[in-house]
Amino acid sequence: MTIHSIVELLKYKWKAKGRHGIHSPFVYNLVDKGLKGAGSAEQKIKKYLKDYQILPIDSNPESWNSLFESYLPQATDSVMIWIHNIHQTKQHTVAWAEIYKSGSVSLSLDLYDFGLLFFNKDIKEKQHFVLKK
């Protein structure tokens, strides 16, 4: 682990919420039903969100924005972009913040090791959550 990733882990642990204090029914259910049980957080989320098309971004953070932009034409209510290692280096964290703040993202979830982006047009106000795994 780098010093940056350790600092980011401490910030994550300070900010991360469980299901209490989450006002989004979708996110509450994801935490309550999708993150419970045995297995890694990644496995559990993929199983819970099995109806979503997952578009992965796990290359160099310098290419994240271009990959993200290339996925936007496919971004519908049933698409989720999965970004790996969002806090590995300062460059990763900065790239993650730029992407989740994009106007096309309606919901973003930070689970420290990875981030999830959703594009639900029914969500009128952008939402960002830092979730406990």
N, C-alpha and C. Protein backbone atom coordinates (compact mmCIF):
# COMPACT_ATOMS: atom_id res chain seq x y z
N MET A 1 0.84 -1.19 0.00
CA MET A 1 0.00 0.00 0.00
C MET A 1 0.88 1.25 0.00
N THR A 2 0.44 2.24 -0.71
CA THR A 2 1.14 3.51 -0.73
C THR A 2 0.63 4.40 0.40
N ILE A 3 1.36 5.46 0.68
CA ILE A 3 0.90 6.41 1.70
C ILE A 3 -0.45 6.99 1.29
N HIS A 4 -0.58 7.29 0.01
CA HIS A 4 -1.86 7.84 -0.48
C HIS A 4 -3.01 6.86 -0.23
N SER A 5 -2.81 5.59 -0.55
CA SER A 5 -3.90 4.62 -0.37
C SER A 5 -4.24 4.42 1.10
N ILE A 6 -3.26 4.54 1.97
CA ILE A 6 -3.52 4.42 3.42
C ILE A 6 -4.34 5.62 3.90
N VAL A 7 -3.96 6.82 3.47
CA VAL A 7 -4.72 8.02 3.83
C VAL A 7 -6.15 7.91 3.31
N GLU A 8 -6.29 7.46 2.05
CA GLU A 8 -7.62 7.31 1.47
C GLU A 8 -8.43 6.25 2.21
N LEU A 9 -7.79 5.18 2.66
CA LEU A 9 -8.49 4.15 3.43
C LEU A 9 -9.00 4.72 4.75
N LEU A 10 -8.18 5.53 5.41
CA LEU A 10 -8.63 6.16 6.66
C LEU A 10 -9.81 7.09 6.41
N LYS A 11 -9.75 7.89 5.34
CA LYS A 11 -10.88 8.77 4.99
C LYS A 11 -12.12 7.94 4.68
N TYR A 12 -11.92 6.84 3.95
CA TYR A 12 -13.04 5.95 3.61
C TYR A 12 -13.68 5.41 4.89
N LYS A 13 -12.87 4.90 5.79
CA LYS A 13 -13.42 4.32 7.03
C LYS A 13 -14.17 5.38 7.84
N TRP A 14 -13.73 6.62 7.78
CA TRP A 14 -14.39 7.70 8.52
C TRP A 14 -15.74 8.04 7.89
N LYS A 15 -15.81 8.04 6.55
CA LYS A 15 -17.02 8.48 5.85
C LYS A 15 -18.01 7.36 5.55
N ALA A 16 -17.54 6.13 5.42
CA ALA A 16 -18.38 5.03 4.93
C ALA A 16 -19.57 4.78 5.84
N LYS A 17 -20.71 4.53 5.19
CA LYS A 17 -21.96 4.29 5.90
C LYS A 17 -22.47 2.89 5.60
N GLY A 18 -23.15 2.34 6.57
CA GLY A 18 -23.92 1.13 6.36
C GLY A 18 -25.29 1.54 5.86
N ARG A 19 -26.26 0.69 6.06
CA ARG A 19 -27.59 1.01 5.52
C ARG A 19 -28.29 2.13 6.29
N HIS A 20 -27.89 2.37 7.53
CA HIS A 20 -28.52 3.44 8.32
C HIS A 20 -27.96 4.78 7.89
N GLY A 21 -28.83 5.71 7.65
CA GLY A 21 -28.43 7.03 7.19
C GLY A 21 -28.44 7.17 5.68
N ILE A 22 -28.86 6.10 5.00
CA ILE A 22 -28.95 6.15 3.54
C ILE A 22 -30.42 6.33 3.17
N HIS A 23 -30.72 7.39 2.44
CA HIS A 23 -32.10 7.73 2.14
C HIS A 23 -32.56 7.24 0.77
N SER A 24 -31.66 6.67 0.01
CA SER A 24 -32.02 6.13 -1.30
C SER A 24 -32.48 4.69 -1.14
N PRO A 25 -33.72 4.36 -1.52
CA PRO A 25 -34.19 2.97 -1.39
C PRO A 25 -33.32 1.98 -2.18
N PHE A 26 -32.87 2.38 -3.36
CA PHE A 26 -32.02 1.50 -4.17
C PHE A 26 -30.71 1.18 -3.45
N VAL A 27 -30.05 2.21 -2.92
CA VAL A 27 -28.77 2.02 -2.24
C VAL A 27 -28.97 1.28 -0.91
N TYR A 28 -30.03 1.61 -0.19
CA TYR A 28 -30.32 0.91 1.06
C TYR A 28 -30.47 -0.59 0.81
N ASN A 29 -31.25 -0.95 -0.21
CA ASN A 29 -31.44 -2.37 -0.53
C ASN A 29 -30.14 -3.02 -1.00
N LEU A 30 -29.34 -2.29 -1.73
CA LEU A 30 -28.05 -2.84 -2.17
C LEU A 30 -27.18 -3.17 -0.96
N VAL A 31 -27.14 -2.27 0.01
CA VAL A 31 -26.35 -2.51 1.22
C VAL A 31 -26.98 -3.62 2.05
N ASP A 32 -28.29 -3.56 2.23
CA ASP A 32 -29.00 -4.50 3.09
C ASP A 32 -29.03 -5.92 2.52
N LYS A 33 -29.27 -6.03 1.23
CA LYS A 33 -29.42 -7.36 0.61
C LYS A 33 -28.23 -7.77 -0.24
N GLY A 34 -27.59 -6.80 -0.87
CA GLY A 34 -26.51 -7.12 -1.80
C GLY A 34 -25.16 -7.32 -1.16
N LEU A 35 -24.93 -6.70 -0.02
CA LEU A 35 -23.61 -6.82 0.62
C LEU A 35 -23.59 -7.79 1.80
N LYS A 36 -24.71 -8.42 2.09
CA LYS A 36 -24.76 -9.38 3.19
C LYS A 36 -24.28 -10.75 2.71
N GLY A 37 -23.84 -11.55 3.65
CA GLY A 37 -23.48 -12.93 3.34
C GLY A 37 -22.01 -13.12 3.05
N ALA A 38 -21.68 -14.35 2.69
CA ALA A 38 -20.29 -14.74 2.44
C ALA A 38 -19.84 -14.31 1.05
N GLY A 39 -18.55 -14.18 0.90
CA GLY A 39 -17.97 -13.82 -0.39
C GLY A 39 -17.47 -12.39 -0.39
N SER A 40 -16.76 -12.06 -1.44
CA SER A 40 -16.21 -10.70 -1.54
C SER A 40 -17.33 -9.73 -1.89
N ALA A 41 -17.10 -8.46 -1.59
CA ALA A 41 -18.08 -7.43 -1.93
C ALA A 41 -18.33 -7.43 -3.43
N GLU A 42 -17.29 -7.63 -4.21
CA GLU A 42 -17.44 -7.64 -5.66
C GLU A 42 -18.37 -8.77 -6.12
N GLN A 43 -18.18 -9.97 -5.59
CA GLN A 43 -19.03 -11.11 -5.95
C GLN A 43 -20.48 -10.87 -5.54
N LYS A 44 -20.67 -10.36 -4.33
CA LYS A 44 -22.03 -10.16 -3.81
C LYS A 44 -22.77 -9.10 -4.63
N ILE A 45 -22.09 -8.01 -4.97
CA ILE A 45 -22.74 -6.95 -5.75
C ILE A 45 -23.09 -7.45 -7.15
N LYS A 46 -22.17 -8.17 -7.78
CA LYS A 46 -22.45 -8.70 -9.12
C LYS A 46 -23.65 -9.65 -9.09
N LYS A 47 -23.75 -10.44 -8.05
CA LYS A 47 -24.89 -11.36 -7.92
C LYS A 47 -26.18 -10.57 -7.70
N TYR A 48 -26.14 -9.57 -6.83
CA TYR A 48 -27.33 -8.78 -6.52
C TYR A 48 -27.78 -7.95 -7.73
N LEU A 49 -26.85 -7.41 -8.48
CA LEU A 49 -27.16 -6.56 -9.63
C LEU A 49 -27.01 -7.33 -10.94
N LYS A 50 -27.41 -8.59 -10.92
CA LYS A 50 -27.22 -9.47 -12.08
C LYS A 50 -27.96 -9.01 -13.33
N ASP A 51 -28.99 -8.19 -13.16
CA ASP A 51 -29.75 -7.70 -14.32
C ASP A 51 -29.09 -6.48 -14.99
N TYR A 52 -28.03 -5.98 -14.40
CA TYR A 52 -27.34 -4.82 -14.95
C TYR A 52 -26.24 -5.28 -15.91
N GLN A 53 -26.08 -4.52 -16.97
CA GLN A 53 -24.93 -4.72 -17.84
C GLN A 53 -23.76 -3.98 -17.19
N ILE A 54 -22.68 -4.69 -16.94
CA ILE A 54 -21.52 -4.10 -16.28
C ILE A 54 -20.47 -3.74 -17.33
N LEU A 55 -20.11 -2.47 -17.35
CA LEU A 55 -19.06 -1.98 -18.24
C LEU A 55 -17.84 -1.66 -17.37
N PRO A 56 -16.77 -2.45 -17.49
CA PRO A 56 -15.62 -2.27 -16.59
C PRO A 56 -14.63 -1.23 -17.08
N ILE A 57 -14.03 -0.55 -16.12
CA ILE A 57 -12.90 0.34 -16.38
C ILE A 57 -11.83 -0.05 -15.36
N ASP A 58 -10.77 -0.68 -15.83
CA ASP A 58 -9.73 -1.09 -14.88
C ASP A 58 -8.32 -0.91 -15.43
N SER A 59 -8.19 -0.03 -16.39
CA SER A 59 -6.87 0.23 -16.94
C SER A 59 -6.24 1.43 -16.25
N ASN A 60 -5.24 1.98 -16.85
CA ASN A 60 -4.55 3.15 -16.35
C ASN A 60 -5.52 4.32 -16.19
N PRO A 61 -5.48 5.02 -15.06
CA PRO A 61 -6.43 6.13 -14.85
C PRO A 61 -6.33 7.24 -15.88
N GLU A 62 -5.22 7.31 -16.59
CA GLU A 62 -5.10 8.30 -17.66
C GLU A 62 -6.10 8.05 -18.78
N SER A 63 -6.53 6.80 -18.93
CA SER A 63 -7.49 6.46 -19.99
C SER A 63 -8.92 6.33 -19.48
N TRP A 64 -9.14 6.54 -18.19
CA TRP A 64 -10.48 6.38 -17.63
C TRP A 64 -11.50 7.31 -18.27
N ASN A 65 -11.14 8.57 -18.44
CA ASN A 65 -12.10 9.52 -19.01
C ASN A 65 -12.50 9.13 -20.43
N SER A 66 -11.54 8.70 -21.24
CA SER A 66 -11.88 8.33 -22.62
C SER A 66 -12.72 7.06 -22.64
N LEU A 67 -12.43 6.09 -21.77
CA LEU A 67 -13.26 4.89 -21.68
C LEU A 67 -14.66 5.25 -21.21
N PHE A 68 -14.74 6.09 -20.19
CA PHE A 68 -16.02 6.54 -19.67
C PHE A 68 -16.84 7.20 -20.78
N GLU A 69 -16.22 8.12 -21.50
CA GLU A 69 -16.91 8.81 -22.61
C GLU A 69 -17.37 7.82 -23.67
N SER A 70 -16.57 6.79 -23.95
CA SER A 70 -16.97 5.80 -24.96
C SER A 70 -18.16 4.96 -24.51
N TYR A 71 -18.35 4.82 -23.20
CA TYR A 71 -19.47 4.05 -22.67
C TYR A 71 -20.78 4.86 -22.62
N LEU A 72 -20.69 6.18 -22.62
CA LEU A 72 -21.88 7.01 -22.43
C LEU A 72 -23.02 6.72 -23.41
N PRO A 73 -22.76 6.44 -24.70
CA PRO A 73 -23.89 6.13 -25.59
C PRO A 73 -24.68 4.88 -25.15
N GLN A 74 -24.05 4.00 -24.38
CA GLN A 74 -24.71 2.78 -23.90
C GLN A 74 -25.35 2.98 -22.53
N ALA A 75 -25.13 4.12 -21.91
CA ALA A 75 -25.56 4.35 -20.53
C ALA A 75 -27.08 4.51 -20.44
N THR A 76 -27.71 3.47 -19.91
CA THR A 76 -29.15 3.48 -19.66
C THR A 76 -29.40 3.09 -18.21
N ASP A 77 -30.67 2.98 -17.85
CA ASP A 77 -31.03 2.59 -16.48
C ASP A 77 -30.51 1.21 -16.09
N SER A 78 -30.20 0.37 -17.06
CA SER A 78 -29.76 -1.00 -16.75
C SER A 78 -28.26 -1.19 -16.97
N VAL A 79 -27.52 -0.09 -17.04
CA VAL A 79 -26.07 -0.15 -17.23
C VAL A 79 -25.38 0.40 -15.98
N MET A 80 -24.29 -0.27 -15.61
CA MET A 80 -23.48 0.16 -14.48
C MET A 80 -22.03 0.16 -14.94
N ILE A 81 -21.32 1.23 -14.67
CA ILE A 81 -19.88 1.26 -14.94
C ILE A 81 -19.16 0.94 -13.65
N TRP A 82 -18.22 -0.01 -13.74
CA TRP A 82 -17.47 -0.50 -12.59
C TRP A 82 -16.03 -0.07 -12.77
N ILE A 83 -15.52 0.75 -11.86
CA ILE A 83 -14.14 1.23 -11.95
C ILE A 83 -13.33 0.64 -10.80
N HIS A 84 -12.27 -0.05 -11.15
CA HIS A 84 -11.41 -0.72 -10.16
C HIS A 84 -10.33 0.23 -9.63
N ASN A 85 -9.89 -0.04 -8.41
CA ASN A 85 -8.73 0.64 -7.80
C ASN A 85 -8.87 2.16 -7.77
N ILE A 86 -10.00 2.65 -7.32
CA ILE A 86 -10.26 4.09 -7.38
C ILE A 86 -9.43 4.90 -6.40
N HIS A 87 -8.78 4.27 -5.45
CA HIS A 87 -7.96 5.00 -4.48
C HIS A 87 -6.52 4.49 -4.42
N GLN A 88 -6.09 3.78 -5.44
CA GLN A 88 -4.76 3.18 -5.43
C GLN A 88 -3.65 4.24 -5.38
N THR A 89 -3.78 5.27 -6.19
CA THR A 89 -2.82 6.38 -6.20
C THR A 89 -3.60 7.69 -6.24
N LYS A 90 -2.89 8.79 -6.07
CA LYS A 90 -3.55 10.09 -6.15
C LYS A 90 -4.18 10.27 -7.53
N GLN A 91 -3.51 9.81 -8.57
CA GLN A 91 -4.03 9.92 -9.93
C GLN A 91 -5.35 9.15 -10.06
N HIS A 92 -5.44 7.97 -9.45
CA HIS A 92 -6.67 7.18 -9.47
C HIS A 92 -7.80 7.95 -8.78
N THR A 93 -7.51 8.50 -7.59
CA THR A 93 -8.54 9.20 -6.82
C THR A 93 -9.04 10.44 -7.55
N VAL A 94 -8.13 11.18 -8.16
CA VAL A 94 -8.51 12.38 -8.91
C VAL A 94 -9.36 12.00 -10.12
N ALA A 95 -8.95 10.97 -10.86
CA ALA A 95 -9.71 10.53 -12.03
C ALA A 95 -11.10 10.04 -11.62
N TRP A 96 -11.19 9.30 -10.52
CA TRP A 96 -12.48 8.83 -10.01
C TRP A 96 -13.40 10.02 -9.70
N ALA A 97 -12.86 11.02 -9.00
CA ALA A 97 -13.68 12.18 -8.64
C ALA A 97 -14.18 12.93 -9.88
N GLU A 98 -13.34 13.06 -10.88
CA GLU A 98 -13.76 13.73 -12.12
C GLU A 98 -14.90 12.99 -12.78
N ILE A 99 -14.82 11.66 -12.78
CA ILE A 99 -15.83 10.87 -13.47
C ILE A 99 -17.15 10.86 -12.69
N TYR A 100 -17.09 10.61 -11.37
CA TYR A 100 -18.37 10.50 -10.65
C TYR A 100 -19.08 11.85 -10.55
N LYS A 101 -18.36 12.94 -10.72
CA LYS A 101 -18.99 14.26 -10.71
C LYS A 101 -19.55 14.65 -12.07
N SER A 102 -19.37 13.79 -13.07
CA SER A 102 -19.87 14.06 -14.42
C SER A 102 -21.38 14.26 -14.40
N GLY A 103 -21.86 15.15 -15.23
CA GLY A 103 -23.28 15.44 -15.30
C GLY A 103 -24.14 14.27 -15.74
N SER A 104 -23.58 13.30 -16.42
CA SER A 104 -24.37 12.17 -16.91
C SER A 104 -24.57 11.09 -15.85
N VAL A 105 -23.79 11.11 -14.78
CA VAL A 105 -23.90 10.12 -13.71
C VAL A 105 -24.96 10.58 -12.72
N SER A 106 -25.93 9.71 -12.44
CA SER A 106 -26.97 10.09 -11.48
C SER A 106 -26.69 9.54 -10.09
N LEU A 107 -25.98 8.42 -10.02
CA LEU A 107 -25.68 7.79 -8.73
C LEU A 107 -24.29 7.20 -8.79
N SER A 108 -23.47 7.51 -7.77
CA SER A 108 -22.13 6.93 -7.68
C SER A 108 -21.94 6.33 -6.29
N LEU A 109 -21.26 5.18 -6.28
CA LEU A 109 -21.01 4.48 -5.03
C LEU A 109 -19.52 4.22 -4.90
N ASP A 110 -18.94 4.61 -3.79
CA ASP A 110 -17.53 4.41 -3.50
C ASP A 110 -17.43 3.30 -2.46
N LEU A 111 -16.82 2.18 -2.83
CA LEU A 111 -16.60 1.07 -1.91
C LEU A 111 -15.10 0.85 -1.69
N TYR A 112 -14.34 1.90 -1.77
CA TYR A 112 -12.89 1.99 -1.62
C TYR A 112 -12.13 1.23 -2.70
N ASP A 113 -12.28 -0.07 -2.82
CA ASP A 113 -11.55 -0.84 -3.83
C ASP A 113 -12.07 -0.59 -5.23
N PHE A 114 -13.32 -0.20 -5.32
CA PHE A 114 -13.94 0.05 -6.62
C PHE A 114 -15.07 1.04 -6.47
N GLY A 115 -15.44 1.64 -7.59
CA GLY A 115 -16.55 2.58 -7.63
C GLY A 115 -17.57 2.13 -8.66
N LEU A 116 -18.83 2.42 -8.41
CA LEU A 116 -19.92 2.05 -9.31
C LEU A 116 -20.65 3.32 -9.75
N LEU A 117 -20.97 3.37 -11.03
CA LEU A 117 -21.69 4.52 -11.59
C LEU A 117 -22.99 4.05 -12.23
N PHE A 118 -24.07 4.79 -11.97
CA PHE A 118 -25.38 4.46 -12.50
C PHE A 118 -25.94 5.66 -13.25
N PHE A 119 -26.87 5.39 -14.16
CA PHE A 119 -27.39 6.42 -15.06
C PHE A 119 -28.92 6.40 -15.09
N ASN A 120 -29.54 6.43 -13.96
CA ASN A 120 -31.00 6.36 -13.86
C ASN A 120 -31.60 7.75 -14.06
N LYS A 121 -32.35 7.92 -15.12
CA LYS A 121 -32.94 9.23 -15.44
C LYS A 121 -34.02 9.64 -14.44
N ASP A 122 -34.56 8.68 -13.67
CA ASP A 122 -35.57 9.00 -12.68
C ASP A 122 -34.98 9.67 -11.44
N ILE A 123 -33.67 9.56 -11.26
CA ILE A 123 -33.00 10.23 -10.14
C ILE A 123 -32.74 11.66 -10.58
N LYS A 124 -33.45 12.58 -9.99
CA LYS A 124 -33.39 13.99 -10.42
C LYS A 124 -32.17 14.72 -9.87
N GLU A 125 -31.72 14.34 -8.69
CA GLU A 125 -30.59 15.00 -8.07
C GLU A 125 -29.44 14.01 -7.91
N LYS A 126 -28.27 14.39 -8.37
CA LYS A 126 -27.09 13.53 -8.30
C LYS A 126 -26.86 13.06 -6.86
N GLN A 127 -26.51 11.77 -6.72
CA GLN A 127 -26.27 11.20 -5.41
C GLN A 127 -24.91 10.49 -5.41
N HIS A 128 -24.16 10.65 -4.31
CA HIS A 128 -22.88 9.97 -4.15
C HIS A 128 -22.83 9.40 -2.73
N PHE A 129 -22.49 8.12 -2.62
CA PHE A 129 -22.43 7.47 -1.32
C PHE A 129 -21.09 6.76 -1.17
N VAL A 130 -20.56 6.81 0.03
CA VAL A 130 -19.39 6.03 0.41
C VAL A 130 -19.93 4.93 1.31
N LEU A 131 -19.82 3.68 0.84
CA LEU A 131 -20.48 2.56 1.51
C LEU A 131 -19.51 1.60 2.17
N LYS A 132 -19.89 1.10 3.35
CA LYS A 132 -19.14 0.03 4.00
C LYS A 132 -19.35 -1.25 3.22
N LYS A 133 -18.30 -2.05 3.15
CA LYS A 133 -18.40 -3.34 2.47
C LYS A 133 -18.80 -4.40 3.46
